């Protein structure tokens, strides 16, 4: 009788660990998608600022030395790398 109880407890423990790992995986995926979306927003905001500066002030050229596009691309790349690393670790 005690052996069956121990087996059931071990099975329940393994299931709980698996569910916890899947929940952690999903939270990392959610975080990675959020970082990727933020990178896209940074790039779009940079383009928006350039267009507004051209519309409002046609005499002065738009600033060209901004790093917003590079920061956005780096955020998307890091997010993609995290997703790939996560997939490899979960397998």
PDB file of N, CA and C in Angstrom:
ATOM      1  N   UNK A   1       0.815  -1.193   0.000  1.00  0.00           N
ATOM      2  CA  UNK A   1       0.000   0.000   0.000  1.00  0.00           C
ATOM      3  C   UNK A   1       0.865   1.266   0.000  1.00  0.00           C
ATOM      4  N   UNK A   2       1.923   1.260   0.757  1.00  0.00           N
ATOM      5  CA  UNK A   2       2.798   2.421   0.797  1.00  0.00           C
ATOM      6  C   UNK A   2       3.538   2.615  -0.520  1.00  0.00           C
ATOM      7  N   UNK A   3       3.821   1.544  -1.231  1.00  0.00           N
ATOM      8  CA  UNK A   3       4.533   1.647  -2.498  1.00  0.00           C
ATOM      9  C   UNK A   3       3.667   2.384  -3.518  1.00  0.00           C
ATOM     10  N   UNK A   4       2.387   2.075  -3.571  1.00  0.00           N
ATOM     11  CA  UNK A   4       1.489   2.767  -4.497  1.00  0.00           C
ATOM     12  C   UNK A   4       1.394   4.247  -4.163  1.00  0.00           C
ATOM     13  N   UNK A   5       1.337   4.579  -2.908  1.00  0.00           N
ATOM     14  CA  UNK A   5       1.278   5.976  -2.502  1.00  0.00           C
ATOM     15  C   UNK A   5       2.559   6.697  -2.902  1.00  0.00           C
ATOM     16  N   UNK A   6       3.701   6.043  -2.714  1.00  0.00           N
ATOM     17  CA  UNK A   6       4.977   6.653  -3.081  1.00  0.00           C
ATOM     18  C   UNK A   6       5.062   6.854  -4.591  1.00  0.00           C
ATOM     19  N   UNK A   7       4.615   5.887  -5.374  1.00  0.00           N
ATOM     20  CA  UNK A   7       4.639   6.001  -6.824  1.00  0.00           C
ATOM     21  C   UNK A   7       3.733   7.133  -7.289  1.00  0.00           C
ATOM     22  N   UNK A   8       2.576   7.238  -6.708  1.00  0.00           N
ATOM     23  CA  UNK A   8       1.646   8.313  -7.061  1.00  0.00           C
ATOM     24  C   UNK A   8       2.246   9.665  -6.696  1.00  0.00           C
ATOM     25  N   UNK A   9       2.897   9.768  -5.552  1.00  0.00           N
ATOM     26  CA  UNK A   9       3.515  11.024  -5.139  1.00  0.00           C
ATOM     27  C   UNK A   9       4.659  11.391  -6.073  1.00  0.00           C
ATOM     28  N   UNK A  10       5.459  10.414  -6.477  1.00  0.00           N
ATOM     29  CA  UNK A  10       6.561  10.695  -7.391  1.00  0.00           C
ATOM     30  C   UNK A  10       6.027  11.136  -8.747  1.00  0.00           C
ATOM     31  N   UNK A  11       4.969  10.504  -9.208  1.00  0.00           N
ATOM     32  CA  UNK A  11       4.370  10.878 -10.492  1.00  0.00           C
ATOM     33  C   UNK A  11       3.784  12.282 -10.422  1.00  0.00           C
ATOM     34  N   UNK A  12       3.148  12.590  -9.314  1.00  0.00           N
ATOM     35  CA  UNK A  12       2.587  13.927  -9.131  1.00  0.00           C
ATOM     36  C   UNK A  12       3.700  14.962  -9.075  1.00  0.00           C
ATOM     37  N   UNK A  13       4.808  14.625  -8.438  1.00  0.00           N
ATOM     38  CA  UNK A  13       5.938  15.541  -8.352  1.00  0.00           C
ATOM     39  C   UNK A  13       6.547  15.787  -9.731  1.00  0.00           C
ATOM     40  N   UNK A  14       6.698  14.730 -10.527  1.00  0.00           N
ATOM     41  CA  UNK A  14       7.231  14.885 -11.882  1.00  0.00           C
ATOM     42  C   UNK A  14       6.316  15.737 -12.741  1.00  0.00           C
ATOM     43  N   UNK A  15       5.027  15.545 -12.602  1.00  0.00           N
ATOM     44  CA  UNK A  15       4.062  16.337 -13.360  1.00  0.00           C
ATOM     45  C   UNK A  15       4.131  17.801 -12.941  1.00  0.00           C
ATOM     46  N   UNK A  16       4.271  18.040 -11.650  1.00  0.00           N
ATOM     47  CA  UNK A  16       4.360  19.418 -11.162  1.00  0.00           C
ATOM     48  C   UNK A  16       5.624  20.098 -11.683  1.00  0.00           C
ATOM     49  N   UNK A  17       6.728  19.365 -11.738  1.00  0.00           N
ATOM     50  CA  UNK A  17       7.973  19.933 -12.259  1.00  0.00           C
ATOM     51  C   UNK A  17       7.829  20.239 -13.739  1.00  0.00           C
ATOM     52  N   UNK A  18       7.198  19.349 -14.492  1.00  0.00           N
ATOM     53  CA  UNK A  18       7.006  19.577 -15.918  1.00  0.00           C
ATOM     54  C   UNK A  18       6.108  20.787 -16.168  1.00  0.00           C
ATOM     55  N   UNK A  19       5.043  20.906 -15.406  1.00  0.00           N
ATOM     56  CA  UNK A  19       4.144  22.051 -15.555  1.00  0.00           C
ATOM     57  C   UNK A  19       4.862  23.346 -15.201  1.00  0.00           C
ATOM     58  N   UNK A  20       5.683  23.308 -14.174  1.00  0.00           N
ATOM     59  CA  UNK A  20       6.452  24.492 -13.785  1.00  0.00           C
ATOM     60  C   UNK A  20       7.444  24.886 -14.885  1.00  0.00           C
ATOM     61  N   UNK A  21       8.100  23.898 -15.487  1.00  0.00           N
ATOM     62  CA  UNK A  21       9.037  24.186 -16.579  1.00  0.00           C
ATOM     63  C   UNK A  21       8.307  24.777 -17.784  1.00  0.00           C
ATOM     64  N   UNK A  22       7.145  24.251 -18.100  1.00  0.00           N
ATOM     65  CA  UNK A  22       6.382  24.791 -19.231  1.00  0.00           C
ATOM     66  C   UNK A  22       5.911  26.216 -18.953  1.00  0.00           C
ATOM     67  N   UNK A  23       5.523  26.481 -17.713  1.00  0.00           N
ATOM     68  CA  UNK A  23       5.099  27.833 -17.349  1.00  0.00           C
ATOM     69  C   UNK A  23       6.269  28.810 -17.459  1.00  0.00           C
ATOM     70  N   UNK A  24       7.458  28.378 -17.047  1.00  0.00           N
ATOM     71  CA  UNK A  24       8.642  29.217 -17.183  1.00  0.00           C
ATOM     72  C   UNK A  24       8.970  29.455 -18.652  1.00  0.00           C
ATOM     73  N   UNK A  25       8.858  28.412 -19.466  1.00  0.00           N
ATOM     74  CA  UNK A  25       9.098  28.549 -20.900  1.00  0.00           C
ATOM     75  C   UNK A  25       8.138  29.560 -21.512  1.00  0.00           C
ATOM     76  N   UNK A  26       6.874  29.462 -21.172  1.00  0.00           N
ATOM     77  CA  UNK A  26       5.892  30.392 -21.728  1.00  0.00           C
ATOM     78  C   UNK A  26       6.139  31.827 -21.267  1.00  0.00           C
ATOM     79  N   UNK A  27       6.590  32.007 -20.048  1.00  0.00           N
ATOM     80  CA  UNK A  27       6.872  33.372 -19.593  1.00  0.00           C
ATOM     81  C   UNK A  27       8.086  33.950 -20.318  1.00  0.00           C
ATOM     82  N   UNK A  28       9.084  33.125 -20.603  1.00  0.00           N
ATOM     83  CA  UNK A  28      10.231  33.608 -21.374  1.00  0.00           C
ATOM     84  C   UNK A  28       9.831  33.935 -22.806  1.00  0.00           C
ATOM     85  N   UNK A  29       8.946  33.129 -23.387  1.00  0.00           N
ATOM     86  CA  UNK A  29       8.455  33.421 -24.735  1.00  0.00           C
ATOM     87  C   UNK A  29       7.700  34.743 -24.739  1.00  0.00           C
ATOM     88  N   UNK A  30       6.855  34.946 -23.740  1.00  0.00           N
ATOM     89  CA  UNK A  30       6.104  36.200 -23.639  1.00  0.00           C
ATOM     90  C   UNK A  30       7.045  37.392 -23.495  1.00  0.00           C
ATOM     91  N   UNK A  31       8.078  37.256 -22.681  1.00  0.00           N
ATOM     92  CA  UNK A  31       9.052  38.330 -22.502  1.00  0.00           C
ATOM     93  C   UNK A  31       9.808  38.614 -23.795  1.00  0.00           C
ATOM     94  N   UNK A  32      10.189  37.567 -24.493  1.00  0.00           N
ATOM     95  CA  UNK A  32      10.921  37.728 -25.746  1.00  0.00           C
ATOM     96  C   UNK A  32      10.062  38.413 -26.806  1.00  0.00           C
ATOM     97  N   UNK A  33       8.804  38.042 -26.885  1.00  0.00           N
ATOM     98  CA  UNK A  33       7.903  38.696 -27.840  1.00  0.00           C
ATOM     99  C   UNK A  33       7.701  40.165 -27.460  1.00  0.00           C
ATOM    100  N   UNK A  34       7.636  40.453 -26.181  1.00  0.00           N
ATOM    101  CA  UNK A  34       7.517  41.842 -25.730  1.00  0.00           C
ATOM    102  C   UNK A  34       8.739  42.668 -26.095  1.00  0.00           C
ATOM    103  N   UNK A  35       9.934  42.092 -25.949  1.00  0.00           N
ATOM    104  CA  UNK A  35      11.159  42.802 -26.325  1.00  0.00           C
ATOM    105  C   UNK A  35      11.194  43.027 -27.828  1.00  0.00           C
ATOM    106  N   UNK A  36      10.745  42.035 -28.581  1.00  0.00           N
ATOM    107  CA  UNK A  36      10.709  42.168 -30.035  1.00  0.00           C
ATOM    108  C   UNK A  36       9.734  43.277 -30.452  1.00  0.00           C
ATOM    109  N   UNK A  37       8.581  43.318 -29.818  1.00  0.00           N
ATOM    110  CA  UNK A  37       7.607  44.373 -30.125  1.00  0.00           C
ATOM    111  C   UNK A  37       8.160  45.747 -29.753  1.00  0.00           C
ATOM    112  N   UNK A  38       8.864  45.838 -28.636  1.00  0.00           N
ATOM    113  CA  UNK A  38       9.460  47.109 -28.238  1.00  0.00           C
ATOM    114  C   UNK A  38      10.511  47.560 -29.248  1.00  0.00           C
ATOM    115  N   UNK A  39      11.291  46.623 -29.785  1.00  0.00           N
ATOM    116  CA  UNK A  39      12.259  46.963 -30.821  1.00  0.00           C
ATOM    117  C   UNK A  39      11.590  47.520 -32.065  1.00  0.00           C
ATOM    118  N   UNK A  40      10.463  46.923 -32.447  1.00  0.00           N
ATOM    119  CA  UNK A  40       9.706  47.438 -33.601  1.00  0.00           C
ATOM    120  C   UNK A  40       9.156  48.830 -33.320  1.00  0.00           C
ATOM    121  N   UNK A  41       8.697  49.062 -32.103  1.00  0.00           N
ATOM    122  CA  UNK A  41       8.172  50.384 -31.732  1.00  0.00           C
ATOM    123  C   UNK A  41       9.286  51.430 -31.780  1.00  0.00           C
ATOM    124  N   UNK A  42      10.468  51.082 -31.330  1.00  0.00           N
ATOM    125  CA  UNK A  42      11.594  52.020 -31.362  1.00  0.00           C
ATOM    126  C   UNK A  42      11.912  52.420 -32.800  1.00  0.00           C
ATOM    127  N   UNK A  43      11.939  51.449 -33.710  1.00  0.00           N
ATOM    128  CA  UNK A  43      12.225  51.745 -35.114  1.00  0.00           C
ATOM    129  C   UNK A  43      11.123  52.608 -35.715  1.00  0.00           C
ATOM    130  N   UNK A  44       9.871  52.261 -35.463  1.00  0.00           N
ATOM    131  CA  UNK A  44       8.751  53.035 -36.016  1.00  0.00           C
ATOM    132  C   UNK A  44       8.731  54.459 -35.451  1.00  0.00           C
ATOM    133  N   UNK A  45       9.051  54.604 -34.168  1.00  0.00           N
ATOM    134  CA  UNK A  45       9.070  55.941 -33.579  1.00  0.00           C
ATOM    135  C   UNK A  45      10.177  56.786 -34.197  1.00  0.00           C
ATOM    136  N   UNK A  46      11.307  56.169 -34.499  1.00  0.00           N
ATOM    137  CA  UNK A  46      12.394  56.890 -35.156  1.00  0.00           C
ATOM    138  C   UNK A  46      11.949  57.401 -36.525  1.00  0.00           C
ATOM    139  N   UNK A  47      11.279  56.547 -37.286  1.00  0.00           N
ATOM    140  CA  UNK A  47      10.774  56.968 -38.589  1.00  0.00           C
ATOM    141  C   UNK A  47       9.719  58.068 -38.446  1.00  0.00           C
ATOM    142  N   UNK A  48       8.879  57.963 -37.427  1.00  0.00           N
ATOM    143  CA  UNK A  48       7.849  58.964 -37.174  1.00  0.00           C
ATOM    144  C   UNK A  48       8.475  60.322 -36.858  1.00  0.00           C
ATOM    145  N   UNK A  49       9.503  60.336 -36.040  1.00  0.00           N
ATOM    146  CA  UNK A  49      10.168  61.593 -35.680  1.00  0.00           C
ATOM    147  C   UNK A  49      10.815  62.226 -36.909  1.00  0.00           C
ATOM    148  N   UNK A  50      11.420  61.426 -37.755  1.00  0.00           N
ATOM    149  CA  UNK A  50      12.025  61.961 -38.977  1.00  0.00           C
ATOM    150  C   UNK A  50      10.970  62.564 -39.897  1.00  0.00           C
ATOM    151  N   UNK A  51       9.837  61.897 -40.049  1.00  0.00           N
ATOM    152  CA  UNK A  51       8.781  62.412 -40.923  1.00  0.00           C
ATOM    153  C   UNK A  51       8.163  63.680 -40.358  1.00  0.00           C
ATOM    154  N   UNK A  52       7.939  63.724 -39.062  1.00  0.00           N
ATOM    155  CA  UNK A  52       7.377  64.931 -38.442  1.00  0.00           C
ATOM    156  C   UNK A  52       8.335  66.101 -38.567  1.00  0.00           C
ATOM    157  N   UNK A  53       9.628  65.851 -38.380  1.00  0.00           N
ATOM    158  CA  UNK A  53      10.582  66.957 -38.503  1.00  0.00           C
ATOM    159  C   UNK A  53      10.643  67.481 -39.935  1.00  0.00           C
ATOM    160  N   UNK A  54      10.450  66.611 -40.905  1.00  0.00           N
ATOM    161  CA  UNK A  54      10.421  67.069 -42.301  1.00  0.00           C
ATOM    162  C   UNK A  54       9.149  67.858 -42.603  1.00  0.00           C
ATOM    163  N   UNK A  55       8.048  67.475 -42.029  1.00  0.00           N
ATOM    164  CA  UNK A  55       6.774  68.169 -42.281  1.00  0.00           C
ATOM    165  C   UNK A  55       6.752  69.528 -41.586  1.00  0.00           C
ATOM    166  N   UNK A  56       7.188  69.576 -40.342  1.00  0.00           N
ATOM    167  CA  UNK A  56       7.075  70.811 -39.565  1.00  0.00           C
ATOM    168  C   UNK A  56       8.146  71.841 -39.924  1.00  0.00           C
ATOM    169  N   UNK A  57       9.321  71.388 -40.217  1.00  0.00           N
ATOM    170  CA  UNK A  57      10.400  72.325 -40.477  1.00  0.00           C
ATOM    171  C   UNK A  57      11.112  71.922 -41.766  1.00  0.00           C
ATOM    172  N   UNK A  58      10.698  72.476 -42.861  1.00  0.00           N
ATOM    173  CA  UNK A  58      11.245  72.062 -44.151  1.00  0.00           C
ATOM    174  C   UNK A  58      12.604  72.693 -44.436  1.00  0.00           C
ATOM    175  N   UNK A  59      12.986  73.721 -43.697  1.00  0.00           N
ATOM    176  CA  UNK A  59      14.276  74.377 -43.933  1.00  0.00           C
ATOM    177  C   UNK A  59      15.431  73.620 -43.295  1.00  0.00           C
ATOM    178  N   UNK A  60      15.192  73.050 -42.119  1.00  0.00           N
ATOM    179  CA  UNK A  60      16.242  72.340 -41.404  1.00  0.00           C
ATOM    180  C   UNK A  60      16.114  70.847 -41.693  1.00  0.00           C
ATOM    181  N   UNK A  61      17.194  70.199 -42.092  1.00  0.00           N
ATOM    182  CA  UNK A  61      17.103  68.764 -42.373  1.00  0.00           C
ATOM    183  C   UNK A  61      16.895  67.949 -41.088  1.00  0.00           C
ATOM    184  N   UNK A  62      16.328  66.791 -41.241  1.00  0.00           N
ATOM    185  CA  UNK A  62      16.098  65.902 -40.102  1.00  0.00           C
ATOM    186  C   UNK A  62      17.429  65.388 -39.562  1.00  0.00           C
ATOM    187  N   UNK A  63      17.509  65.154 -38.270  1.00  0.00           N
ATOM    188  CA  UNK A  63      18.758  64.630 -37.710  1.00  0.00           C
ATOM    189  C   UNK A  63      19.051  63.234 -38.260  1.00  0.00           C
ATOM    190  N   UNK A  64      20.278  63.021 -38.665  1.00  0.00           N
ATOM    191  CA  UNK A  64      20.644  61.733 -39.258  1.00  0.00           C
ATOM    192  C   UNK A  64      21.510  60.887 -38.337  1.00  0.00           C
ATOM    193  N   UNK A  65      21.970  61.422 -37.236  1.00  0.00           N
ATOM    194  CA  UNK A  65      22.889  60.693 -36.367  1.00  0.00           C
ATOM    195  C   UNK A  65      22.213  59.940 -35.243  1.00  0.00           C
ATOM    196  N   UNK A  66      20.968  59.534 -35.405  1.00  0.00           N
ATOM    197  CA  UNK A  66      20.299  58.829 -34.313  1.00  0.00           C
ATOM    198  C   UNK A  66      20.600  57.333 -34.378  1.00  0.00           C
ATOM    199  N   UNK A  67      20.601  56.732 -33.230  1.00  0.00           N
ATOM    200  CA  UNK A  67      20.870  55.300 -33.129  1.00  0.00           C
ATOM    201  C   UNK A  67      19.596  54.502 -32.870  1.00  0.00           C
ATOM    202  N   UNK A  68      18.451  55.116 -33.062  1.00  0.00           N
ATOM    203  CA  UNK A  68      17.187  54.452 -32.756  1.00  0.00           C
ATOM    204  C   UNK A  68      16.965  53.216 -33.623  1.00  0.00           C
ATOM    205  N   UNK A  69      17.287  53.319 -34.886  1.00  0.00           N
ATOM    206  CA  UNK A  69      17.076  52.170 -35.780  1.00  0.00           C
ATOM    207  C   UNK A  69      17.984  51.019 -35.375  1.00  0.00           C
ATOM    208  N   UNK A  70      19.229  51.319 -35.051  1.00  0.00           N
ATOM    209  CA  UNK A  70      20.159  50.262 -34.639  1.00  0.00           C
ATOM    210  C   UNK A  70      19.732  49.626 -33.318  1.00  0.00           C
ATOM    211  N   UNK A  71      19.262  50.442 -32.386  1.00  0.00           N
ATOM    212  CA  UNK A  71      18.797  49.908 -31.104  1.00  0.00           C
ATOM    213  C   UNK A  71      17.596  48.997 -31.324  1.00  0.00           C
ATOM    214  N   UNK A  72      16.670  49.412 -32.182  1.00  0.00           N
ATOM    215  CA  UNK A  72      15.506  48.579 -32.478  1.00  0.00           C
ATOM    216  C   UNK A  72      15.889  47.263 -33.124  1.00  0.00           C
ATOM    217  N   UNK A  73      16.820  47.312 -34.058  1.00  0.00           N
ATOM    218  CA  UNK A  73      17.262  46.081 -34.724  1.00  0.00           C
ATOM    219  C   UNK A  73      17.978  45.164 -33.738  1.00  0.00           C
ATOM    220  N   UNK A  74      18.782  45.735 -32.866  1.00  0.00           N
ATOM    221  CA  UNK A  74      19.475  44.933 -31.856  1.00  0.00           C
ATOM    222  C   UNK A  74      18.470  44.287 -30.902  1.00  0.00           C
ATOM    223  N   UNK A  75      17.439  45.015 -30.506  1.00  0.00           N
ATOM    224  CA  UNK A  75      16.419  44.442 -29.628  1.00  0.00           C
ATOM    225  C   UNK A  75      15.709  43.270 -30.294  1.00  0.00           C
ATOM    226  N   UNK A  76      15.365  43.412 -31.553  1.00  0.00           N
ATOM    227  CA  UNK A  76      14.710  42.314 -32.271  1.00  0.00           C
ATOM    228  C   UNK A  76      15.667  41.125 -32.416  1.00  0.00           C
ATOM    229  N   UNK A  77      16.932  41.394 -32.711  1.00  0.00           N
ATOM    230  CA  UNK A  77      17.908  40.309 -32.854  1.00  0.00           C
ATOM    231  C   UNK A  77      18.140  39.580 -31.531  1.00  0.00           C
ATOM    232  N   UNK A  78      18.248  40.320 -30.451  1.00  0.00           N
ATOM    233  CA  UNK A  78      18.445  39.698 -29.135  1.00  0.00           C
ATOM    234  C   UNK A  78      17.228  38.856 -28.770  1.00  0.00           C
ATOM    235  N   UNK A  79      16.060  39.362 -29.058  1.00  0.00           N
ATOM    236  CA  UNK A  79      14.841  38.625 -28.768  1.00  0.00           C
ATOM    237  C   UNK A  79      14.778  37.328 -29.570  1.00  0.00           C
ATOM    238  N   UNK A  80      15.165  37.388 -30.827  1.00  0.00           N
ATOM    239  CA  UNK A  80      15.183  36.182 -31.654  1.00  0.00           C
ATOM    240  C   UNK A  80      16.212  35.184 -31.133  1.00  0.00           C
ATOM    241  N   UNK A  81      17.366  35.677 -30.721  1.00  0.00           N
ATOM    242  CA  UNK A  81      18.389  34.806 -30.150  1.00  0.00           C
ATOM    243  C   UNK A  81      17.896  34.137 -28.872  1.00  0.00           C
ATOM    244  N   UNK A  82      17.194  34.889 -28.026  1.00  0.00           N
ATOM    245  CA  UNK A  82      16.656  34.318 -26.786  1.00  0.00           C
ATOM    246  C   UNK A  82      15.631  33.234 -27.104  1.00  0.00           C
ATOM    247  N   UNK A  83      14.790  33.463 -28.107  1.00  0.00           N
ATOM    248  CA  UNK A  83      13.810  32.445 -28.493  1.00  0.00           C
ATOM    249  C   UNK A  83      14.493  31.168 -28.989  1.00  0.00           C
ATOM    250  N   UNK A  84      15.524  31.309 -29.801  1.00  0.00           N
ATOM    251  CA  UNK A  84      16.239  30.137 -30.292  1.00  0.00           C
ATOM    252  C   UNK A  84      16.952  29.402 -29.158  1.00  0.00           C
ATOM    253  N   UNK A  85      17.578  30.143 -28.274  1.00  0.00           N
ATOM    254  CA  UNK A  85      18.254  29.535 -27.127  1.00  0.00           C
ATOM    255  C   UNK A  85      17.251  28.821 -26.223  1.00  0.00           C
ATOM    256  N   UNK A  86      16.115  29.418 -26.035  1.00  0.00           N
ATOM    257  CA  UNK A  86      15.070  28.824 -25.214  1.00  0.00           C
ATOM    258  C   UNK A  86      14.590  27.520 -25.815  1.00  0.00           C
ATOM    259  N   UNK A  87      14.397  27.526 -27.125  1.00  0.00           N
ATOM    260  CA  UNK A  87      13.943  26.318 -27.808  1.00  0.00           C
ATOM    261  C   UNK A  87      14.966  25.203 -27.656  1.00  0.00           C
ATOM    262  N   UNK A  88      16.245  25.546 -27.804  1.00  0.00           N
ATOM    263  CA  UNK A  88      17.282  24.534 -27.693  1.00  0.00           C
ATOM    264  C   UNK A  88      17.400  23.997 -26.268  1.00  0.00           C
ATOM    265  N   UNK A  89      17.241  24.849 -25.285  1.00  0.00           N
ATOM    266  CA  UNK A  89      17.323  24.392 -23.881  1.00  0.00           C
ATOM    267  C   UNK A  89      16.110  23.559 -23.490  1.00  0.00           C
ATOM    268  N   UNK A  90      14.972  23.857 -24.048  1.00  0.00           N
ATOM    269  CA  UNK A  90      13.761  23.131 -23.670  1.00  0.00           C
ATOM    270  C   UNK A  90      13.743  21.726 -24.279  1.00  0.00           C
ATOM    271  N   UNK A  91      14.386  21.551 -25.418  1.00  0.00           N
ATOM    272  CA  UNK A  91      14.383  20.229 -26.069  1.00  0.00           C
ATOM    273  C   UNK A  91      15.150  19.270 -25.246  1.00  0.00           C
TER     274      UNK A  91
END
